[in-house]
Amino acid sequence: MKFKDKIIWITGAASGIGEALAYQSVKYGAKLILSDIDEPRLKTVAEQCRNMGAEVLELLLDLGSRESIEKAVPQALSAFKKVDVLINNGGISQRSLTWETPPEVDYKIMNINFFGAVLLTKAVLPGMMEQGSGYIAVTSSITGKFGFPLRSAYSASKHAAQGFFETLGIELADKNISVTVAMPGRVQTNISVHALTKDGTPHGEMDPGQAEGIPADVCARKYLDAVYKQRKEVLIGGKELMMVHLRRFFPRLFYRIAGKIKPA
């Protein structure tokens, strides 16, 4: 019961890592605010959490819309009065070559993955500072540490999130509010299925590597444990995490390996 009676707000809660985080949060004793743009799936996840014994508020949320975020925050605070833990998990991936991707797709990915998390955090943070405690987390990616084929805008958005939330964590060091950057590798979710292609439509296919990743519930447990322990960052995944260390310590070898990946 690591988060007993804490109010945890999870974005991107209708599927994948977000859904798994919701179920794990219930096991840890939390009360939940669950948000996503997929209303039918969000309702399903919220109902499952209620069946597990949790108190749940479901909030439809479009992270690409400032108006949607500004509408959701008052609703959340009206229901629970505060937010103890904010997990900025919502996002969207990409499967297209840089030169084939129109700016509109780049903007959309950046708005959802970066600005959505920033705006929601800035809206919730004053309450945490007033109460003198809180946890903030963001789901980055191992591609927030390096570039990767077919992920130019996605990787850029995760690099941006990495820089923003690392800075925020340093600034909040004396205010009893911790910031955790989670960097999953391959996790068994539909992120590749929903990834945007060059024309902005869903990729519609499960990447082989994704299908062989760690289960989402394993990822969620490691993620929440890292937040609870107030870790600055956490890598979650399998052998693909070695790419992070290769990029840092053996960059030539990293580029050689990355260059062999076929962009198809």
C-alpha atoms as a PDB file:
ATOM      1  CA  MET A   1       0.000   0.000   0.000  1.00  0.00           C
ATOM      2  CA  LYS A   2       2.788   2.404  -0.934  1.00  0.00           C
ATOM      3  CA  PHE A   3       0.391   5.126  -2.064  1.00  0.00           C
ATOM      4  CA  LYS A   4      -2.475   4.464   0.377  1.00  0.00           C
ATOM      5  CA  ASP A   5      -5.144   7.165   0.000  1.00  0.00           C
ATOM      6  CA  LYS A   6      -2.896   9.257  -2.263  1.00  0.00           C
ATOM      7  CA  ILE A   7      -4.552  10.903  -5.247  1.00  0.00           C
ATOM      8  CA  ILE A   8      -2.783   9.715  -8.397  1.00  0.00           C
ATOM      9  CA  TRP A   9      -3.554  11.333 -11.759  1.00  0.00           C
ATOM     10  CA  ILE A  10      -2.540   9.201 -14.737  1.00  0.00           C
ATOM     11  CA  THR A  11      -2.772  10.401 -18.341  1.00  0.00           C
ATOM     12  CA  GLY A  12      -2.897   7.954 -21.244  1.00  0.00           C
ATOM     13  CA  ALA A  13      -4.735   5.626 -18.855  1.00  0.00           C
ATOM     14  CA  ALA A  14      -6.959   3.858 -21.392  1.00  0.00           C
ATOM     15  CA  SER A  15      -4.341   1.390 -22.613  1.00  0.00           C
ATOM     16  CA  GLY A  16      -0.755   0.184 -22.453  1.00  0.00           C
ATOM     17  CA  ILE A  17       1.522   1.419 -19.693  1.00  0.00           C
ATOM     18  CA  GLY A  18      -1.111   3.884 -18.461  1.00  0.00           C
ATOM     19  CA  GLU A  19      -3.711   1.163 -17.997  1.00  0.00           C
ATOM     20  CA  ALA A  20      -1.186  -1.012 -16.179  1.00  0.00           C
ATOM     21  CA  LEU A  21      -0.205   1.952 -13.973  1.00  0.00           C
ATOM     22  CA  ALA A  22      -3.864   2.397 -13.051  1.00  0.00           C
ATOM     23  CA  TYR A  23      -4.264  -1.215 -11.899  1.00  0.00           C
ATOM     24  CA  GLN A  24      -0.954  -1.168 -10.012  1.00  0.00           C
ATOM     25  CA  SER A  25      -1.930   2.099  -8.318  1.00  0.00           C
ATOM     26  CA  VAL A  26      -5.097   0.436  -7.032  1.00  0.00           C
ATOM     27  CA  LYS A  27      -2.965  -2.351  -5.547  1.00  0.00           C
ATOM     28  CA  TYR A  28      -0.883   0.330  -3.842  1.00  0.00           C
ATOM     29  CA  GLY A  29      -3.993   1.819  -2.225  1.00  0.00           C
ATOM     30  CA  ALA A  30      -4.410   4.980  -4.307  1.00  0.00           C
ATOM     31  CA  LYS A  31      -7.440   6.978  -5.341  1.00  0.00           C
ATOM     32  CA  LEU A  32      -7.357   7.676  -9.067  1.00  0.00           C
ATOM     33  CA  ILE A  33      -7.905  10.357 -11.644  1.00  0.00           C
ATOM     34  CA  LEU A  34      -7.704   8.636 -15.025  1.00  0.00           C
ATOM     35  CA  SER A  35      -7.474  10.587 -18.276  1.00  0.00           C
ATOM     36  CA  ASP A  36      -7.339   9.702 -21.955  1.00  0.00           C
ATOM     37  CA  ILE A  37      -8.779  10.791 -25.285  1.00  0.00           C
ATOM     38  CA  ASP A  38     -10.272   7.323 -25.898  1.00  0.00           C
ATOM     39  CA  GLU A  39     -13.517   7.638 -23.919  1.00  0.00           C
ATOM     40  CA  PRO A  40     -14.883   4.063 -24.347  1.00  0.00           C
ATOM     41  CA  ARG A  41     -11.609   2.432 -23.296  1.00  0.00           C
ATOM     42  CA  LEU A  42     -11.166   4.949 -20.471  1.00  0.00           C
ATOM     43  CA  LYS A  43     -14.563   4.021 -19.065  1.00  0.00           C
ATOM     44  CA  THR A  44     -13.637   0.339 -19.227  1.00  0.00           C
ATOM     45  CA  VAL A  45     -10.374   0.845 -17.332  1.00  0.00           C
ATOM     46  CA  ALA A  46     -12.042   3.122 -14.759  1.00  0.00           C
ATOM     47  CA  GLU A  47     -14.768   0.543 -14.125  1.00  0.00           C
ATOM     48  CA  GLN A  48     -12.187  -2.206 -13.695  1.00  0.00           C
ATOM     49  CA  CYS A  49     -10.375  -0.073 -11.108  1.00  0.00           C
ATOM     50  CA  ARG A  50     -13.647   0.521  -9.259  1.00  0.00           C
ATOM     51  CA  ASN A  51     -14.285  -3.230  -9.258  1.00  0.00           C
ATOM     52  CA  MET A  52     -10.862  -3.590  -7.632  1.00  0.00           C
ATOM     53  CA  GLY A  53     -12.018  -1.265  -4.851  1.00  0.00           C
ATOM     54  CA  ALA A  54     -10.656   2.115  -5.894  1.00  0.00           C
ATOM     55  CA  GLU A  55     -12.299   5.507  -5.879  1.00  0.00           C
ATOM     56  CA  VAL A  56     -11.975   6.783  -9.458  1.00  0.00           C
ATOM     57  CA  LEU A  57     -12.628   9.958 -11.413  1.00  0.00           C
ATOM     58  CA  GLU A  58     -12.427   9.568 -15.180  1.00  0.00           C
ATOM     59  CA  LEU A  59     -11.654  12.688 -17.189  1.00  0.00           C
ATOM     60  CA  LEU A  60     -11.691  12.854 -20.973  1.00  0.00           C
ATOM     61  CA  LEU A  61      -8.482  14.660 -21.943  1.00  0.00           C
ATOM     62  CA  ASP A  62      -6.815  15.678 -25.196  1.00  0.00           C
ATOM     63  CA  LEU A  63      -3.172  16.426 -24.400  1.00  0.00           C
ATOM     64  CA  GLY A  64      -2.842  18.191 -27.732  1.00  0.00           C
ATOM     65  CA  SER A  65      -5.407  20.800 -26.665  1.00  0.00           C
ATOM     66  CA  ARG A  66      -4.627  23.528 -24.154  1.00  0.00           C
ATOM     67  CA  GLU A  67      -8.358  24.135 -23.714  1.00  0.00           C
ATOM     68  CA  SER A  68      -8.931  20.473 -22.817  1.00  0.00           C
ATOM     69  CA  ILE A  69      -6.198  20.593 -20.175  1.00  0.00           C
ATOM     70  CA  GLU A  70      -7.466  23.860 -18.697  1.00  0.00           C
ATOM     71  CA  LYS A  71     -10.949  22.346 -18.451  1.00  0.00           C
ATOM     72  CA  ALA A  72      -9.801  19.087 -16.851  1.00  0.00           C
ATOM     73  CA  VAL A  73      -7.718  20.532 -13.998  1.00  0.00           C
ATOM     74  CA  PRO A  74     -10.577  22.319 -12.177  1.00  0.00           C
ATOM     75  CA  GLN A  75     -12.710  19.191 -12.519  1.00  0.00           C
ATOM     76  CA  ALA A  76      -9.992  17.069 -10.941  1.00  0.00           C
ATOM     77  CA  LEU A  77      -9.431  19.488  -8.064  1.00  0.00           C
ATOM     78  CA  SER A  78     -13.158  19.866  -7.497  1.00  0.00           C
ATOM     79  CA  ALA A  79     -13.517  16.110  -7.059  1.00  0.00           C
ATOM     80  CA  PHE A  80     -10.436  15.384  -4.923  1.00  0.00           C
ATOM     81  CA  LYS A  81      -9.260  18.842  -3.749  1.00  0.00           C
ATOM     82  CA  LYS A  82      -5.624  17.946  -4.489  1.00  0.00           C
ATOM     83  CA  VAL A  83      -3.262  15.826  -6.570  1.00  0.00           C
ATOM     84  CA  ASP A  84      -0.520  13.949  -4.725  1.00  0.00           C
ATOM     85  CA  VAL A  85       1.012  12.170  -7.708  1.00  0.00           C
ATOM     86  CA  LEU A  86       0.907  13.306 -11.341  1.00  0.00           C
ATOM     87  CA  ILE A  87       2.024  10.763 -13.924  1.00  0.00           C
ATOM     88  CA  ASN A  88       2.391  12.347 -17.364  1.00  0.00           C
ATOM     89  CA  ASN A  89       2.128   9.124 -19.336  1.00  0.00           C
ATOM     90  CA  GLY A  90      -0.052  10.035 -22.316  1.00  0.00           C
ATOM     91  CA  GLY A  91       1.654  10.250 -25.680  1.00  0.00           C
ATOM     92  CA  ILE A  92       1.897   9.070 -29.253  1.00  0.00           C
ATOM     93  CA  SER A  93       4.707   7.531 -31.271  1.00  0.00           C
ATOM     94  CA  GLN A  94       5.839   7.765 -34.900  1.00  0.00           C
ATOM     95  CA  ARG A  95       6.809   5.509 -37.792  1.00  0.00           C
ATOM     96  CA  SER A  96       7.987   7.703 -40.685  1.00  0.00           C
ATOM     97  CA  LEU A  97      11.189   9.001 -42.237  1.00  0.00           C
ATOM     98  CA  THR A  98      12.133  12.548 -41.318  1.00  0.00           C
ATOM     99  CA  TRP A  99      12.018  13.960 -44.865  1.00  0.00           C
ATOM    100  CA  GLU A 100       8.662  12.322 -45.580  1.00  0.00           C
ATOM    101  CA  THR A 101       6.998  13.679 -42.444  1.00  0.00           C
ATOM    102  CA  PRO A 102       5.084  16.963 -42.875  1.00  0.00           C
ATOM    103  CA  PRO A 103       5.440  19.642 -40.170  1.00  0.00           C
ATOM    104  CA  GLU A 104       1.820  19.090 -39.131  1.00  0.00           C
ATOM    105  CA  VAL A 105       2.703  15.606 -37.873  1.00  0.00           C
ATOM    106  CA  ASP A 106       5.814  16.932 -36.117  1.00  0.00           C
ATOM    107  CA  TYR A 107       3.710  19.602 -34.391  1.00  0.00           C
ATOM    108  CA  LYS A 108       1.071  17.104 -33.329  1.00  0.00           C
ATOM    109  CA  ILE A 109       3.583  14.733 -31.752  1.00  0.00           C
ATOM    110  CA  MET A 110       5.403  17.564 -29.974  1.00  0.00           C
ATOM    111  CA  ASN A 111       2.151  19.096 -28.702  1.00  0.00           C
ATOM    112  CA  ILE A 112       0.907  15.827 -27.229  1.00  0.00           C
ATOM    113  CA  ASN A 113       4.147  14.382 -25.885  1.00  0.00           C
ATOM    114  CA  PHE A 114       5.850  17.542 -24.665  1.00  0.00           C
ATOM    115  CA  PHE A 115       3.579  20.543 -24.324  1.00  0.00           C
ATOM    116  CA  GLY A 116       0.676  18.463 -23.014  1.00  0.00           C
ATOM    117  CA  ALA A 117       2.811  17.190 -20.143  1.00  0.00           C
ATOM    118  CA  VAL A 118       4.275  20.645 -19.503  1.00  0.00           C
ATOM    119  CA  LEU A 119       0.901  22.416 -19.402  1.00  0.00           C
ATOM    120  CA  LEU A 120      -0.701  19.836 -17.139  1.00  0.00           C
ATOM    121  CA  THR A 121       2.276  19.862 -14.785  1.00  0.00           C
ATOM    122  CA  LYS A 122       2.274  23.650 -14.559  1.00  0.00           C
ATOM    123  CA  ALA A 123      -1.444  23.583 -13.759  1.00  0.00           C
ATOM    124  CA  VAL A 124      -1.094  20.991 -10.979  1.00  0.00           C
ATOM    125  CA  LEU A 125       2.237  22.143  -9.508  1.00  0.00           C
ATOM    126  CA  PRO A 126       0.981  25.210  -7.557  1.00  0.00           C
ATOM    127  CA  GLY A 127      -1.285  22.964  -5.485  1.00  0.00           C
ATOM    128  CA  MET A 128       1.599  20.622  -4.686  1.00  0.00           C
ATOM    129  CA  MET A 129       3.757  23.569  -3.653  1.00  0.00           C
ATOM    130  CA  GLU A 130       0.981  24.890  -1.427  1.00  0.00           C
ATOM    131  CA  GLN A 131       0.529  21.525   0.311  1.00  0.00           C
ATOM    132  CA  GLY A 132       4.304  21.105   0.557  1.00  0.00           C
ATOM    133  CA  SER A 133       4.528  17.664  -1.018  1.00  0.00           C
ATOM    134  CA  GLY A 134       4.044  15.752  -4.215  1.00  0.00           C
ATOM    135  CA  TYR A 135       5.366  13.392  -6.829  1.00  0.00           C
ATOM    136  CA  ILE A 136       5.633  14.200 -10.539  1.00  0.00           C
ATOM    137  CA  ALA A 137       6.582  11.681 -13.206  1.00  0.00           C
ATOM    138  CA  VAL A 138       6.851  11.697 -16.975  1.00  0.00           C
ATOM    139  CA  THR A 139       7.036   8.767 -19.361  1.00  0.00           C
ATOM    140  CA  SER A 140       9.973   9.475 -21.608  1.00  0.00           C
ATOM    141  CA  SER A 141      11.617   6.663 -23.579  1.00  0.00           C
ATOM    142  CA  ILE A 142      15.063   5.269 -24.214  1.00  0.00           C
ATOM    143  CA  THR A 143      14.803   7.319 -27.420  1.00  0.00           C
ATOM    144  CA  GLY A 144      14.812  10.340 -25.126  1.00  0.00           C
ATOM    145  CA  LYS A 145      18.501   9.486 -24.748  1.00  0.00           C
ATOM    146  CA  PHE A 146      19.329   8.885 -28.418  1.00  0.00           C
ATOM    147  CA  GLY A 147      17.925   9.266 -31.926  1.00  0.00           C
ATOM    148  CA  PHE A 148      16.379   6.307 -33.688  1.00  0.00           C
ATOM    149  CA  PRO A 149      15.168   5.625 -37.265  1.00  0.00           C
ATOM    150  CA  LEU A 150      11.536   6.504 -38.037  1.00  0.00           C
ATOM    151  CA  ARG A 151      11.183   8.367 -34.710  1.00  0.00           C
ATOM    152  CA  SER A 152      12.538  11.875 -35.421  1.00  0.00           C
ATOM    153  CA  ALA A 153       9.644  13.875 -33.904  1.00  0.00           C
ATOM    154  CA  TYR A 154       8.946  11.262 -31.237  1.00  0.00           C
ATOM    155  CA  SER A 155      12.568  11.171 -30.139  1.00  0.00           C
ATOM    156  CA  ALA A 156      12.717  14.975 -30.184  1.00  0.00           C
ATOM    157  CA  SER A 157       9.633  15.213 -27.973  1.00  0.00           C
ATOM    158  CA  LYS A 158      11.141  12.774 -25.483  1.00  0.00           C
ATOM    159  CA  HIS A 159      14.474  14.634 -25.469  1.00  0.00           C
ATOM    160  CA  ALA A 160      12.511  17.814 -24.738  1.00  0.00           C
ATOM    161  CA  ALA A 161      10.560  16.158 -21.913  1.00  0.00           C
ATOM    162  CA  GLN A 162      13.783  14.793 -20.480  1.00  0.00           C
ATOM    163  CA  GLY A 163      15.352  18.247 -20.329  1.00  0.00           C
ATOM    164  CA  PHE A 164      12.262  19.971 -18.946  1.00  0.00           C
ATOM    165  CA  PHE A 165      11.522  17.501 -16.165  1.00  0.00           C
ATOM    166  CA  GLU A 166      15.166  17.051 -15.146  1.00  0.00           C
ATOM    167  CA  THR A 167      15.356  20.816 -14.749  1.00  0.00           C
ATOM    168  CA  LEU A 168      12.086  20.885 -12.816  1.00  0.00           C
ATOM    169  CA  GLY A 169      13.384  18.222 -10.449  1.00  0.00           C
ATOM    170  CA  ILE A 170      16.487  20.252  -9.684  1.00  0.00           C
ATOM    171  CA  GLU A 171      14.424  23.385  -9.071  1.00  0.00           C
ATOM    172  CA  LEU A 172      12.058  21.524  -6.700  1.00  0.00           C
ATOM    173  CA  ALA A 173      14.818  19.820  -4.714  1.00  0.00           C
ATOM    174  CA  ASP A 174      14.123  21.811  -1.529  1.00  0.00           C
ATOM    175  CA  LYS A 175      10.313  21.777  -1.775  1.00  0.00           C
ATOM    176  CA  ASN A 176       9.557  18.126  -0.926  1.00  0.00           C
ATOM    177  CA  ILE A 177       8.308  17.465  -4.475  1.00  0.00           C
ATOM    178  CA  SER A 178      10.137  14.743  -6.367  1.00  0.00           C
ATOM    179  CA  VAL A 179      10.359  14.368 -10.146  1.00  0.00           C
ATOM    180  CA  THR A 180      10.946  11.019 -11.853  1.00  0.00           C
ATOM    181  CA  VAL A 181      11.740  10.520 -15.540  1.00  0.00           C
ATOM    182  CA  ALA A 182      10.808   6.993 -16.624  1.00  0.00           C
ATOM    183  CA  MET A 183      12.466   5.662 -19.774  1.00  0.00           C
ATOM    184  CA  PRO A 184      10.828   2.472 -21.003  1.00  0.00           C
ATOM    185  CA  GLY A 185      12.349   0.416 -23.760  1.00  0.00           C
ATOM    186  CA  ARG A 186      10.262  -2.290 -25.390  1.00  0.00           C
ATOM    187  CA  VAL A 187       7.005  -2.892 -23.564  1.00  0.00           C
ATOM    188  CA  GLN A 188       4.117  -5.038 -24.793  1.00  0.00           C
ATOM    189  CA  THR A 189       1.641  -2.281 -25.683  1.00  0.00           C
ATOM    190  CA  ASN A 190      -0.093  -0.984 -28.798  1.00  0.00           C
ATOM    191  CA  ILE A 191       2.114   2.112 -29.059  1.00  0.00           C
ATOM    192  CA  SER A 192       3.454   1.022 -32.454  1.00  0.00           C
ATOM    193  CA  VAL A 193      -0.073   0.247 -33.680  1.00  0.00           C
ATOM    194  CA  HIS A 194      -1.246   3.788 -32.922  1.00  0.00           C
ATOM    195  CA  ALA A 195       2.010   5.468 -34.041  1.00  0.00           C
ATOM    196  CA  LEU A 196       1.598   8.168 -36.680  1.00  0.00           C
ATOM    197  CA  THR A 197       2.839   7.589 -40.210  1.00  0.00           C
ATOM    198  CA  LYS A 198       3.931  10.263 -42.692  1.00  0.00           C
ATOM    199  CA  ASP A 199       0.337  11.173 -43.566  1.00  0.00           C
ATOM    200  CA  GLY A 200      -0.771  11.323 -39.937  1.00  0.00           C
ATOM    201  CA  THR A 201      -2.697   8.052 -39.970  1.00  0.00           C
ATOM    202  CA  PRO A 202      -2.062   5.177 -37.521  1.00  0.00           C
ATOM    203  CA  HIS A 203       0.714   2.740 -38.371  1.00  0.00           C
ATOM    204  CA  GLY A 204      -1.710  -0.107 -37.666  1.00  0.00           C
ATOM    205  CA  GLU A 205       0.937  -2.772 -37.041  1.00  0.00           C
ATOM    206  CA  MET A 206       2.639  -4.209 -33.998  1.00  0.00           C
ATOM    207  CA  ASP A 207       6.418  -3.927 -34.208  1.00  0.00           C
ATOM    208  CA  PRO A 208       8.130  -7.303 -33.709  1.00  0.00           C
ATOM    209  CA  GLY A 209      10.363  -5.801 -31.027  1.00  0.00           C
ATOM    210  CA  GLN A 210       7.354  -4.378 -29.224  1.00  0.00           C
ATOM    211  CA  ALA A 211       5.649  -7.757 -29.202  1.00  0.00           C
ATOM    212  CA  GLU A 212       8.736  -9.275 -27.547  1.00  0.00           C
ATOM    213  CA  GLY A 213       9.005  -6.561 -24.893  1.00  0.00           C
ATOM    214  CA  ILE A 214       8.368  -6.866 -21.176  1.00  0.00           C
ATOM    215  CA  PRO A 215       4.725  -7.100 -20.009  1.00  0.00           C
ATOM    216  CA  ALA A 216       3.055  -3.762 -19.264  1.00  0.00           C
ATOM    217  CA  ASP A 217       2.267  -4.781 -15.673  1.00  0.00           C
ATOM    218  CA  VAL A 218       5.950  -5.429 -14.984  1.00  0.00           C
ATOM    219  CA  CYS A 219       6.775  -2.005 -16.406  1.00  0.00           C
ATOM    220  CA  ALA A 220       4.087  -0.359 -14.276  1.00  0.00           C
ATOM    221  CA  ARG A 221       5.316  -1.915 -11.047  1.00  0.00           C
ATOM    222  CA  LYS A 222       8.909  -0.833 -11.675  1.00  0.00           C
ATOM    223  CA  TYR A 223       7.691   2.608 -12.724  1.00  0.00           C
ATOM    224  CA  LEU A 224       5.601   3.227  -9.595  1.00  0.00           C
ATOM    225  CA  ASP A 225       8.291   1.815  -7.320  1.00  0.00           C
ATOM    226  CA  ALA A 226      10.754   4.313  -8.794  1.00  0.00           C
ATOM    227  CA  VAL A 227       8.291   7.173  -8.211  1.00  0.00           C
ATOM    228  CA  TYR A 228       7.724   6.039  -4.618  1.00  0.00           C
ATOM    229  CA  LYS A 229      11.485   5.875  -3.994  1.00  0.00           C
ATOM    230  CA  GLN A 230      11.815   9.369  -5.515  1.00  0.00           C
ATOM    231  CA  ARG A 231      14.341   8.211  -8.082  1.00  0.00           C
ATOM    232  CA  LYS A 232      15.427  10.890 -10.552  1.00  0.00           C
ATOM    233  CA  GLU A 233      15.195   8.504 -13.488  1.00  0.00           C
ATOM    234  CA  VAL A 234      14.583   4.852 -14.202  1.00  0.00           C
ATOM    235  CA  LEU A 235      15.291   2.673 -17.226  1.00  0.00           C
ATOM    236  CA  ILE A 236      12.695  -0.061 -17.723  1.00  0.00           C
ATOM    237  CA  GLY A 237      12.967  -2.873 -20.235  1.00  0.00           C
ATOM    238  CA  GLY A 238      15.197  -5.697 -21.401  1.00  0.00           C
ATOM    239  CA  LYS A 239      18.423  -6.023 -23.346  1.00  0.00           C
ATOM    240  CA  GLU A 240      17.527  -3.013 -25.534  1.00  0.00           C
ATOM    241  CA  LEU A 241      18.458  -0.783 -22.581  1.00  0.00           C
ATOM    242  CA  MET A 242      22.093  -1.477 -23.476  1.00  0.00           C
ATOM    243  CA  MET A 243      21.661   0.993 -26.334  1.00  0.00           C
ATOM    244  CA  VAL A 244      21.537   3.817 -23.783  1.00  0.00           C
ATOM    245  CA  HIS A 245      24.907   2.810 -22.381  1.00  0.00           C
ATOM    246  CA  LEU A 246      26.389   2.189 -25.826  1.00  0.00           C
ATOM    247  CA  ARG A 247      25.353   5.688 -26.905  1.00  0.00           C
ATOM    248  CA  ARG A 248      27.047   7.192 -23.850  1.00  0.00           C
ATOM    249  CA  PHE A 249      30.242   5.192 -23.621  1.00  0.00           C
ATOM    250  CA  PHE A 250      30.729   3.741 -27.139  1.00  0.00           C
ATOM    251  CA  PRO A 251      29.094   6.207 -29.549  1.00  0.00           C
ATOM    252  CA  ARG A 252      30.803   4.826 -32.664  1.00  0.00           C
ATOM    253  CA  LEU A 253      29.474   1.357 -31.949  1.00  0.00           C
ATOM    254  CA  PHE A 254      26.030   2.801 -31.246  1.00  0.00           C
ATOM    255  CA  TYR A 255      25.896   4.596 -34.602  1.00  0.00           C
ATOM    256  CA  ARG A 256      27.103   1.478 -36.388  1.00  0.00           C
ATOM    257  CA  ILE A 257      24.286  -0.581 -34.866  1.00  0.00           C
ATOM    258  CA  ALA A 258      21.636   2.094 -35.360  1.00  0.00           C
ATOM    259  CA  GLY A 259      22.716   2.550 -38.962  1.00  0.00           C
ATOM    260  CA  LYS A 260      21.997  -1.090 -39.737  1.00  0.00           C
ATOM    261  CA  ILE A 261      18.356  -0.767 -38.766  1.00  0.00           C
ATOM    262  CA  LYS A 262      16.263  -0.850 -41.916  1.00  0.00           C
ATOM    263  CA  PRO A 263      13.814   2.062 -42.114  1.00  0.00           C
ATOM    264  CA  ALA A 264      10.772   0.040 -43.172  1.00  0.00           C
END
